[in-house]
Amino acid sequence: MQPLLPRDLRRRRTVALAGGLAILVALTACLRNETGAPFPVASGTRAHGSLPPRHDELAWVLAVARDHGGVPRLGLPDARLRLSRALGDLAAGGPFAEPGRFPTDEDALAWLVNAHVAWVVALHNAPDLATREVEALRSVPFPLAGSRWTLARLEGEVLARAPSEPRLALFLNPGFAGGPPLPGTALEGHTLSWQLAEHAASCGRSASFWSFDPARRELRISAFTAYMPGLPAPLPQRARRLLDLVPPPAELRVAMVAGCGEALQRCSVALLPLDTRRWGHSS
């Protein structure tokens, strides 16, 4: 074997140094999340081929948020890691991440809503977006299904697929402090109907959705209802429809019907102002 000449040693050292630098750059990019995503996105952990996909990681994150008053502040490293994995599963390309190829419409809707919920939580926990208004967050792009999406695009896709189901919009709060709360867990296609009813009931129990002044015979509903498709435009008819779709607490409903009539015809209807500040800033 011939001894290496000085120029050969230099060449090998250069190659080794270049390789080391390449690895260092890759690691740095990973740590800095230089993927164009506003929140770290891990490699997908879901096995391609399982339809419909599971949403265990997102369900875990939502349970953490629920235990902290529903505010999606991910102070725990485990919560950020689990959300990063959920985003990775959603970002993965291929036929199993395309809602158009899901076996049922309910599976597709659940996937789209879960993507919206996951990215709402992520955007509200992205340090670089901490000063953005909620409306601005709706146009921030992120990786999803092998492409680039926004909350606004996801919202439009959900509502276009189910224009006659107003309750779906209750899952699509982009982070308004006075809007509907986060769902208690991830959605699943086979339980979507039940989850719609359960979440609507929880929204109806919120003080920011219904208000009734019996002395003045004035009924007020959340201004967020303007985001809900398929509802009557006139407020009295809208309120009557919501009485069944997003029911208030039982005692409040009894008082409303007693004072306003079954069709709410004896009361005026107005809108409750919507607190459009970010989550965590409501009074």
C-alpha atoms as a PDB file:
ATOM      1  CA  MET A   1       0.000   0.000   0.000  1.00  0.00           C
ATOM      2  CA  GLN A   2       1.474   3.338  -1.061  1.00  0.00           C
ATOM      3  CA  PRO A   3       1.975   5.945   1.671  1.00  0.00           C
ATOM      4  CA  LEU A   4      -0.327   8.929   1.440  1.00  0.00           C
ATOM      5  CA  LEU A   5       1.194  12.050   0.023  1.00  0.00           C
ATOM      6  CA  PRO A   6       0.580  15.369   1.803  1.00  0.00           C
ATOM      7  CA  ARG A   7      -1.892  16.470  -0.880  1.00  0.00           C
ATOM      8  CA  ASP A   8      -3.859  13.198  -0.388  1.00  0.00           C
ATOM      9  CA  LEU A   9      -4.032  13.829   3.350  1.00  0.00           C
ATOM     10  CA  ARG A  10      -5.282  17.332   2.714  1.00  0.00           C
ATOM     11  CA  ARG A  11      -7.909  16.017   0.303  1.00  0.00           C
ATOM     12  CA  ARG A  12      -9.198  13.443   2.816  1.00  0.00           C
ATOM     13  CA  ARG A  13      -9.268  16.022   5.586  1.00  0.00           C
ATOM     14  CA  THR A  14     -11.217  18.371   3.327  1.00  0.00           C
ATOM     15  CA  VAL A  15     -13.751  15.658   2.489  1.00  0.00           C
ATOM     16  CA  ALA A  16     -14.113  14.710   6.172  1.00  0.00           C
ATOM     17  CA  LEU A  17     -14.507  18.338   7.189  1.00  0.00           C
ATOM     18  CA  ALA A  18     -17.124  18.916   4.494  1.00  0.00           C
ATOM     19  CA  GLY A  19     -19.055  15.860   5.658  1.00  0.00           C
ATOM     20  CA  GLY A  20     -18.900  17.016   9.261  1.00  0.00           C
ATOM     21  CA  LEU A  21     -20.094  20.473   8.283  1.00  0.00           C
ATOM     22  CA  ALA A  22     -22.985  18.978   6.323  1.00  0.00           C
ATOM     23  CA  ILE A  23     -24.105  16.980   9.359  1.00  0.00           C
ATOM     24  CA  LEU A  24     -23.767  20.056  11.571  1.00  0.00           C
ATOM     25  CA  VAL A  25     -25.832  22.151   9.158  1.00  0.00           C
ATOM     26  CA  ALA A  26     -28.537  19.460   9.038  1.00  0.00           C
ATOM     27  CA  LEU A  27     -28.681  19.256  12.817  1.00  0.00           C
ATOM     28  CA  THR A  28     -28.820  23.029  13.133  1.00  0.00           C
ATOM     29  CA  ALA A  29     -31.637  23.215  10.593  1.00  0.00           C
ATOM     30  CA  CYS A  30     -33.551  20.595  12.543  1.00  0.00           C
ATOM     31  CA  LEU A  31     -33.066  22.402  15.846  1.00  0.00           C
ATOM     32  CA  ARG A  32     -33.987  25.745  14.356  1.00  0.00           C
ATOM     33  CA  ASN A  33     -36.958  24.310  12.492  1.00  0.00           C
ATOM     34  CA  GLU A  34     -35.768  25.715   9.163  1.00  0.00           C
ATOM     35  CA  THR A  35     -38.582  24.009   7.286  1.00  0.00           C
ATOM     36  CA  GLY A  36     -40.774  27.017   6.756  1.00  0.00           C
ATOM     37  CA  ALA A  37     -43.095  25.905   9.581  1.00  0.00           C
ATOM     38  CA  PRO A  38     -43.922  28.457  12.299  1.00  0.00           C
ATOM     39  CA  PHE A  39     -43.815  25.654  14.926  1.00  0.00           C
ATOM     40  CA  PRO A  40     -41.504  22.597  15.036  1.00  0.00           C
ATOM     41  CA  VAL A  41     -42.873  19.701  13.001  1.00  0.00           C
ATOM     42  CA  ALA A  42     -41.543  16.227  13.798  1.00  0.00           C
ATOM     43  CA  SER A  43     -41.341  13.334  11.396  1.00  0.00           C
ATOM     44  CA  GLY A  44     -44.698  11.617  11.091  1.00  0.00           C
ATOM     45  CA  THR A  45     -45.165   8.646  13.410  1.00  0.00           C
ATOM     46  CA  ARG A  46     -48.393   7.339  11.902  1.00  0.00           C
ATOM     47  CA  ALA A  47     -48.000   4.249   9.752  1.00  0.00           C
ATOM     48  CA  HIS A  48     -49.166   4.972   6.215  1.00  0.00           C
ATOM     49  CA  GLY A  49     -51.879   2.594   5.199  1.00  0.00           C
ATOM     50  CA  SER A  50     -54.107   2.969   8.235  1.00  0.00           C
ATOM     51  CA  LEU A  51     -57.398   4.574   7.286  1.00  0.00           C
ATOM     52  CA  PRO A  52     -58.793   6.573   8.878  1.00  0.00           C
ATOM     53  CA  PRO A  53     -55.688   7.890  10.666  1.00  0.00           C
ATOM     54  CA  ARG A  54     -55.557   8.055  14.458  1.00  0.00           C
ATOM     55  CA  HIS A  55     -55.129  11.330  16.334  1.00  0.00           C
ATOM     56  CA  ASP A  56     -53.741  10.107  19.669  1.00  0.00           C
ATOM     57  CA  GLU A  57     -51.032  12.775  19.922  1.00  0.00           C
ATOM     58  CA  LEU A  58     -53.495  15.629  19.362  1.00  0.00           C
ATOM     59  CA  ALA A  59     -55.959  14.088  21.820  1.00  0.00           C
ATOM     60  CA  TRP A  60     -53.197  14.069  24.472  1.00  0.00           C
ATOM     61  CA  VAL A  61     -52.374  17.741  23.816  1.00  0.00           C
ATOM     62  CA  LEU A  62     -56.041  18.752  24.045  1.00  0.00           C
ATOM     63  CA  ALA A  63     -56.353  16.896  27.347  1.00  0.00           C
ATOM     64  CA  VAL A  64     -53.458  18.999  28.695  1.00  0.00           C
ATOM     65  CA  ALA A  65     -55.173  22.187  27.489  1.00  0.00           C
ATOM     66  CA  ARG A  66     -58.453  21.086  29.065  1.00  0.00           C
ATOM     67  CA  ASP A  67     -56.744  20.512  32.410  1.00  0.00           C
ATOM     68  CA  HIS A  68     -55.366  24.069  32.260  1.00  0.00           C
ATOM     69  CA  GLY A  69     -58.661  25.857  31.715  1.00  0.00           C
ATOM     70  CA  GLY A  70     -58.825  25.257  27.980  1.00  0.00           C
ATOM     71  CA  VAL A  71     -56.031  27.715  27.176  1.00  0.00           C
ATOM     72  CA  PRO A  72     -53.502  26.149  24.767  1.00  0.00           C
ATOM     73  CA  ARG A  73     -50.301  27.175  26.562  1.00  0.00           C
ATOM     74  CA  LEU A  74     -47.786  24.355  26.117  1.00  0.00           C
ATOM     75  CA  GLY A  75     -45.292  24.994  28.886  1.00  0.00           C
ATOM     76  CA  LEU A  76     -44.489  21.311  29.345  1.00  0.00           C
ATOM     77  CA  PRO A  77     -41.786  19.925  26.994  1.00  0.00           C
ATOM     78  CA  ASP A  78     -43.800  16.709  26.591  1.00  0.00           C
ATOM     79  CA  ALA A  79     -46.796  18.694  25.345  1.00  0.00           C
ATOM     80  CA  ARG A  80     -44.725  20.531  22.737  1.00  0.00           C
ATOM     81  CA  LEU A  81     -43.177  17.239  21.596  1.00  0.00           C
ATOM     82  CA  ARG A  82     -46.544  15.511  21.314  1.00  0.00           C
ATOM     83  CA  LEU A  83     -47.961  18.446  19.346  1.00  0.00           C
ATOM     84  CA  SER A  84     -44.889  18.399  17.090  1.00  0.00           C
ATOM     85  CA  ARG A  85     -45.570  14.721  16.360  1.00  0.00           C
ATOM     86  CA  ALA A  86     -49.245  15.421  15.652  1.00  0.00           C
ATOM     87  CA  LEU A  87     -48.236  18.113  13.175  1.00  0.00           C
ATOM     88  CA  GLY A  88     -45.796  15.682  11.566  1.00  0.00           C
ATOM     89  CA  ASP A  89     -48.536  13.119  11.044  1.00  0.00           C
ATOM     90  CA  LEU A  90     -50.736  15.773   9.462  1.00  0.00           C
ATOM     91  CA  ALA A  91     -47.923  17.136   7.290  1.00  0.00           C
ATOM     92  CA  ALA A  92     -47.000  13.772   5.775  1.00  0.00           C
ATOM     93  CA  GLY A  93     -47.764  13.573   2.071  1.00  0.00           C
ATOM     94  CA  GLY A  94     -49.291  10.717   0.161  1.00  0.00           C
ATOM     95  CA  PRO A  95     -52.820   9.409  -0.328  1.00  0.00           C
ATOM     96  CA  PHE A  96     -53.413   8.743   3.372  1.00  0.00           C
ATOM     97  CA  ALA A  97     -53.081  12.437   4.219  1.00  0.00           C
ATOM     98  CA  GLU A  98     -55.456  13.641   1.516  1.00  0.00           C
ATOM     99  CA  PRO A  99     -58.983  14.183   2.829  1.00  0.00           C
ATOM    100  CA  GLY A 100     -60.441  13.442  -0.602  1.00  0.00           C
ATOM    101  CA  ARG A 101     -59.346   9.807  -0.303  1.00  0.00           C
ATOM    102  CA  PHE A 102     -60.830   9.033   3.078  1.00  0.00           C
ATOM    103  CA  PRO A 103     -63.489   6.309   3.157  1.00  0.00           C
ATOM    104  CA  THR A 104     -66.285   8.591   4.432  1.00  0.00           C
ATOM    105  CA  ASP A 105     -67.092  12.293   4.440  1.00  0.00           C
ATOM    106  CA  GLU A 106     -67.083  12.177   8.238  1.00  0.00           C
ATOM    107  CA  ASP A 107     -63.482  10.911   8.265  1.00  0.00           C
ATOM    108  CA  ALA A 108     -62.416  13.711   5.929  1.00  0.00           C
ATOM    109  CA  LEU A 109     -64.173  16.372   8.002  1.00  0.00           C
ATOM    110  CA  ALA A 110     -62.633  15.038  11.216  1.00  0.00           C
ATOM    111  CA  TRP A 111     -59.143  15.144   9.655  1.00  0.00           C
ATOM    112  CA  LEU A 112     -59.604  18.715   8.411  1.00  0.00           C
ATOM    113  CA  VAL A 113     -60.991  19.954  11.731  1.00  0.00           C
ATOM    114  CA  ASN A 114     -58.200  18.228  13.675  1.00  0.00           C
ATOM    115  CA  ALA A 115     -55.650  19.903  11.416  1.00  0.00           C
ATOM    116  CA  HIS A 116     -57.233  23.288  12.137  1.00  0.00           C
ATOM    117  CA  VAL A 117     -57.313  22.664  15.896  1.00  0.00           C
ATOM    118  CA  ALA A 118     -53.718  21.391  15.982  1.00  0.00           C
ATOM    119  CA  TRP A 119     -52.365  24.344  14.059  1.00  0.00           C
ATOM    120  CA  VAL A 120     -54.357  26.852  16.098  1.00  0.00           C
ATOM    121  CA  VAL A 121     -52.625  25.511  19.208  1.00  0.00           C
ATOM    122  CA  ALA A 122     -49.246  25.516  17.424  1.00  0.00           C
ATOM    123  CA  LEU A 123     -49.568  29.070  16.115  1.00  0.00           C
ATOM    124  CA  HIS A 124     -50.527  30.369  19.548  1.00  0.00           C
ATOM    125  CA  ASN A 125     -47.390  28.717  20.951  1.00  0.00           C
ATOM    126  CA  ALA A 126     -44.974  29.900  18.243  1.00  0.00           C
ATOM    127  CA  PRO A 127     -42.619  32.488  19.828  1.00  0.00           C
ATOM    128  CA  ASP A 128     -42.175  34.410  16.578  1.00  0.00           C
ATOM    129  CA  LEU A 129     -45.948  34.927  16.348  1.00  0.00           C
ATOM    130  CA  ALA A 130     -46.538  35.983  19.952  1.00  0.00           C
ATOM    131  CA  THR A 131     -47.484  39.553  19.007  1.00  0.00           C
ATOM    132  CA  ARG A 132     -49.706  38.690  16.023  1.00  0.00           C
ATOM    133  CA  GLU A 133     -53.413  39.410  16.158  1.00  0.00           C
ATOM    134  CA  VAL A 134     -55.771  36.459  15.743  1.00  0.00           C
ATOM    135  CA  GLU A 135     -56.889  37.547  12.281  1.00  0.00           C
ATOM    136  CA  ALA A 136     -53.248  37.700  11.160  1.00  0.00           C
ATOM    137  CA  LEU A 137     -52.681  34.119  12.337  1.00  0.00           C
ATOM    138  CA  ARG A 138     -55.377  32.914   9.937  1.00  0.00           C
ATOM    139  CA  SER A 139     -53.095  33.643   6.958  1.00  0.00           C
ATOM    140  CA  VAL A 140     -49.836  32.129   8.295  1.00  0.00           C
ATOM    141  CA  PRO A 141     -48.794  29.209   6.027  1.00  0.00           C
ATOM    142  CA  PHE A 142     -47.783  25.816   7.415  1.00  0.00           C
ATOM    143  CA  PRO A 143     -47.042  22.321   6.018  1.00  0.00           C
ATOM    144  CA  LEU A 144     -50.034  20.028   5.690  1.00  0.00           C
ATOM    145  CA  ALA A 145     -50.708  16.974   3.514  1.00  0.00           C
ATOM    146  CA  GLY A 146     -47.564  17.545   1.482  1.00  0.00           C
ATOM    147  CA  SER A 147     -48.552  21.132   0.656  1.00  0.00           C
ATOM    148  CA  ARG A 148     -48.903  24.560   2.278  1.00  0.00           C
ATOM    149  CA  TRP A 149     -52.150  25.506   3.985  1.00  0.00           C
ATOM    150  CA  THR A 150     -53.521  28.223   6.256  1.00  0.00           C
ATOM    151  CA  LEU A 151     -56.224  28.284   8.914  1.00  0.00           C
ATOM    152  CA  ALA A 152     -58.390  30.309   6.535  1.00  0.00           C
ATOM    153  CA  ARG A 153     -58.028  27.659   3.827  1.00  0.00           C
ATOM    154  CA  LEU A 154     -58.855  24.855   6.261  1.00  0.00           C
ATOM    155  CA  GLU A 155     -61.896  26.725   7.511  1.00  0.00           C
ATOM    156  CA  GLY A 156     -63.108  27.270   3.961  1.00  0.00           C
ATOM    157  CA  GLU A 157     -62.597  23.600   3.096  1.00  0.00           C
ATOM    158  CA  VAL A 158     -64.556  22.386   6.134  1.00  0.00           C
ATOM    159  CA  LEU A 159     -67.477  24.745   5.604  1.00  0.00           C
ATOM    160  CA  ALA A 160     -67.598  24.044   1.859  1.00  0.00           C
ATOM    161  CA  ARG A 161     -67.851  20.300   2.538  1.00  0.00           C
ATOM    162  CA  ALA A 162     -70.666  20.702   5.076  1.00  0.00           C
ATOM    163  CA  PRO A 163     -72.457  24.013   4.427  1.00  0.00           C
ATOM    164  CA  SER A 164     -75.607  22.849   6.195  1.00  0.00           C
ATOM    165  CA  GLU A 165     -73.876  21.910   9.468  1.00  0.00           C
ATOM    166  CA  PRO A 166     -73.339  25.168  11.416  1.00  0.00           C
ATOM    167  CA  ARG A 167     -71.954  23.370  14.475  1.00  0.00           C
ATOM    168  CA  LEU A 168     -68.722  22.483  12.671  1.00  0.00           C
ATOM    169  CA  ALA A 169     -67.723  26.145  12.855  1.00  0.00           C
ATOM    170  CA  LEU A 170     -67.650  25.824  16.649  1.00  0.00           C
ATOM    171  CA  PHE A 171     -64.471  23.747  16.232  1.00  0.00           C
ATOM    172  CA  LEU A 172     -62.858  26.395  14.020  1.00  0.00           C
ATOM    173  CA  ASN A 173     -62.155  29.236  16.436  1.00  0.00           C
ATOM    174  CA  PRO A 174     -58.768  30.611  15.305  1.00  0.00           C
ATOM    175  CA  GLY A 175     -58.056  31.734  18.868  1.00  0.00           C
ATOM    176  CA  PHE A 176     -60.498  34.503  19.771  1.00  0.00           C
ATOM    177  CA  ALA A 177     -60.642  34.823  23.567  1.00  0.00           C
ATOM    178  CA  GLY A 178     -64.431  35.156  23.435  1.00  0.00           C
ATOM    179  CA  GLY A 179     -64.987  32.429  20.865  1.00  0.00           C
ATOM    180  CA  PRO A 180     -65.817  28.738  21.344  1.00  0.00           C
ATOM    181  CA  PRO A 181     -63.412  26.707  23.491  1.00  0.00           C
ATOM    182  CA  LEU A 182     -61.098  24.012  22.205  1.00  0.00           C
ATOM    183  CA  PRO A 183     -62.713  20.587  21.852  1.00  0.00           C
ATOM    184  CA  GLY A 184     -62.011  18.201  24.694  1.00  0.00           C
ATOM    185  CA  THR A 185     -60.317  15.685  22.399  1.00  0.00           C
ATOM    186  CA  ALA A 186     -59.524  15.018  18.750  1.00  0.00           C
ATOM    187  CA  LEU A 187     -62.399  14.278  16.399  1.00  0.00           C
ATOM    188  CA  GLU A 188     -62.992  10.856  14.876  1.00  0.00           C
ATOM    189  CA  GLY A 189     -65.132  10.197  11.831  1.00  0.00           C
ATOM    190  CA  HIS A 190     -67.176   7.395  13.407  1.00  0.00           C
ATOM    191  CA  THR A 191     -68.136   9.559  16.412  1.00  0.00           C
ATOM    192  CA  LEU A 192     -68.397  12.904  14.623  1.00  0.00           C
ATOM    193  CA  SER A 193     -72.172  13.277  15.039  1.00  0.00           C
ATOM    194  CA  TRP A 194     -71.955  12.675  18.793  1.00  0.00           C
ATOM    195  CA  GLN A 195     -68.922  14.981  19.163  1.00  0.00           C
ATOM    196  CA  LEU A 196     -70.735  17.760  17.283  1.00  0.00           C
ATOM    197  CA  ALA A 197     -73.627  17.601  19.739  1.00  0.00           C
ATOM    198  CA  GLU A 198     -71.366  17.392  22.796  1.00  0.00           C
ATOM    199  CA  HIS A 199     -69.183  20.334  21.770  1.00  0.00           C
ATOM    200  CA  ALA A 200     -72.184  22.443  20.808  1.00  0.00           C
ATOM    201  CA  ALA A 201     -73.679  21.811  24.238  1.00  0.00           C
ATOM    202  CA  SER A 202     -70.439  22.867  25.936  1.00  0.00           C
ATOM    203  CA  CYS A 203     -70.373  26.049  23.835  1.00  0.00           C
ATOM    204  CA  GLY A 204     -73.989  26.774  24.767  1.00  0.00           C
ATOM    205  CA  ARG A 205     -73.063  26.604  28.451  1.00  0.00           C
ATOM    206  CA  SER A 206     -70.439  29.324  27.952  1.00  0.00           C
ATOM    207  CA  ALA A 207     -71.360  32.765  29.289  1.00  0.00           C
ATOM    208  CA  SER A 208     -70.054  34.299  26.063  1.00  0.00           C
ATOM    209  CA  PHE A 209     -72.660  32.535  23.885  1.00  0.00           C
ATOM    210  CA  TRP A 210     -76.056  33.254  25.464  1.00  0.00           C
ATOM    211  CA  SER A 211     -77.376  36.103  27.594  1.00  0.00           C
ATOM    212  CA  PHE A 212     -80.936  36.860  28.677  1.00  0.00           C
ATOM    213  CA  ASP A 213     -82.379  39.904  30.439  1.00  0.00           C
ATOM    214  CA  PRO A 214     -85.946  38.951  31.475  1.00  0.00           C
ATOM    215  CA  ALA A 215     -86.806  42.453  32.730  1.00  0.00           C
ATOM    216  CA  ARG A 216     -86.008  44.009  29.368  1.00  0.00           C
ATOM    217  CA  ARG A 217     -87.005  40.895  27.424  1.00  0.00           C
ATOM    218  CA  GLU A 218     -83.733  41.049  25.590  1.00  0.00           C
ATOM    219  CA  LEU A 219     -81.966  37.967  24.288  1.00  0.00           C
ATOM    220  CA  ARG A 220     -78.348  38.157  23.132  1.00  0.00           C
ATOM    221  CA  ILE A 221     -76.288  35.627  21.189  1.00  0.00           C
ATOM    222  CA  SER A 222     -72.576  35.484  20.462  1.00  0.00           C
ATOM    223  CA  ALA A 223     -71.279  37.491  17.520  1.00  0.00           C
ATOM    224  CA  PHE A 224     -69.278  34.363  16.631  1.00  0.00           C
ATOM    225  CA  THR A 225     -72.505  33.036  15.125  1.00  0.00           C
ATOM    226  CA  ALA A 226     -71.679  35.169  12.066  1.00  0.00           C
ATOM    227  CA  TYR A 227     -68.958  32.583  11.306  1.00  0.00           C
ATOM    228  CA  MET A 228     -71.469  29.730  11.354  1.00  0.00           C
ATOM    229  CA  PRO A 229     -72.892  28.790   7.926  1.00  0.00           C
ATOM    230  CA  GLY A 230     -76.440  27.772   7.216  1.00  0.00           C
ATOM    231  CA  LEU A 231     -78.068  30.014   9.842  1.00  0.00           C
ATOM    232  CA  PRO A 232     -80.821  32.551   9.105  1.00  0.00           C
ATOM    233  CA  ALA A 233     -79.538  36.097   8.687  1.00  0.00           C
ATOM    234  CA  PRO A 234     -82.282  37.813  10.759  1.00  0.00           C
ATOM    235  CA  LEU A 235     -81.276  37.603  14.408  1.00  0.00           C
ATOM    236  CA  PRO A 236     -84.645  36.399  15.806  1.00  0.00           C
ATOM    237  CA  GLN A 237     -84.732  33.425  13.434  1.00  0.00           C
ATOM    238  CA  ARG A 238     -81.044  32.765  14.012  1.00  0.00           C
ATOM    239  CA  ALA A 239     -81.553  32.705  17.780  1.00  0.00           C
ATOM    240  CA  ARG A 240     -84.465  30.272  17.472  1.00  0.00           C
ATOM    241  CA  ARG A 241     -82.394  27.924  15.318  1.00  0.00           C
ATOM    242  CA  LEU A 242     -79.482  28.105  17.751  1.00  0.00           C
ATOM    243  CA  LEU A 243     -81.775  27.292  20.646  1.00  0.00           C
ATOM    244  CA  ASP A 244     -81.811  23.721  19.317  1.00  0.00           C
ATOM    245  CA  LEU A 245     -78.336  23.554  17.754  1.00  0.00           C
ATOM    246  CA  VAL A 246     -76.329  25.165  20.565  1.00  0.00           C
ATOM    247  CA  PRO A 247     -78.651  24.818  23.557  1.00  0.00           C
ATOM    248  CA  PRO A 248     -78.193  27.045  26.597  1.00  0.00           C
ATOM    249  CA  PRO A 249     -78.208  25.499  30.089  1.00  0.00           C
ATOM    250  CA  ALA A 250     -81.577  23.932  30.910  1.00  0.00           C
ATOM    251  CA  GLU A 251     -82.621  26.565  33.478  1.00  0.00           C
ATOM    252  CA  LEU A 252     -81.718  29.414  31.144  1.00  0.00           C
ATOM    253  CA  ARG A 253     -83.638  27.826  28.288  1.00  0.00           C
ATOM    254  CA  VAL A 254     -86.731  27.464  30.473  1.00  0.00           C
ATOM    255  CA  ALA A 255     -86.504  31.132  31.471  1.00  0.00           C
ATOM    256  CA  MET A 256     -85.997  32.228  27.868  1.00  0.00           C
ATOM    257  CA  VAL A 257     -88.979  30.275  26.565  1.00  0.00           C
ATOM    258  CA  ALA A 258     -91.161  31.426  29.482  1.00  0.00           C
ATOM    259  CA  GLY A 259     -90.305  35.064  28.912  1.00  0.00           C
ATOM    260  CA  CYS A 260     -90.001  35.139  25.109  1.00  0.00           C
ATOM    261  CA  GLY A 261     -92.331  32.401  23.921  1.00  0.00           C
ATOM    262  CA  GLU A 262     -91.469  29.117  22.216  1.00  0.00           C
ATOM    263  CA  ALA A 263     -90.475  30.966  19.017  1.00  0.00           C
ATOM    264  CA  LEU A 264     -88.768  33.737  21.040  1.00  0.00           C
ATOM    265  CA  GLN A 265     -91.199  36.127  19.390  1.00  0.00           C
ATOM    266  CA  ARG A 266     -91.776  38.315  22.471  1.00  0.00           C
ATOM    267  CA  CYS A 267     -88.105  39.309  22.905  1.00  0.00           C
ATOM    268  CA  SER A 268     -85.653  41.463  21.041  1.00  0.00           C
ATOM    269  CA  VAL A 269     -82.438  39.795  19.897  1.00  0.00           C
ATOM    270  CA  ALA A 270     -79.001  41.399  19.755  1.00  0.00           C
ATOM    271  CA  LEU A 271     -75.397  40.257  19.473  1.00  0.00           C
ATOM    272  CA  LEU A 272     -72.985  39.798  22.343  1.00  0.00           C
ATOM    273  CA  PRO A 273     -69.691  41.482  21.450  1.00  0.00           C
ATOM    274  CA  LEU A 274     -66.943  39.030  20.504  1.00  0.00           C
ATOM    275  CA  ASP A 275     -63.662  39.400  22.391  1.00  0.00           C
ATOM    276  CA  THR A 276     -61.230  39.119  19.473  1.00  0.00           C
ATOM    277  CA  ARG A 277     -58.093  39.224  21.602  1.00  0.00           C
ATOM    278  CA  ARG A 278     -55.922  36.116  21.716  1.00  0.00           C
ATOM    279  CA  TRP A 279     -56.622  33.248  24.092  1.00  0.00           C
ATOM    280  CA  GLY A 280     -55.515  33.962  27.622  1.00  0.00           C
ATOM    281  CA  HIS A 281     -56.357  37.676  27.458  1.00  0.00           C
ATOM    282  CA  SER A 282     -60.060  37.592  28.283  1.00  0.00           C
ATOM    283  CA  SER A 283     -61.164  39.413  31.409  1.00  0.00           C
END
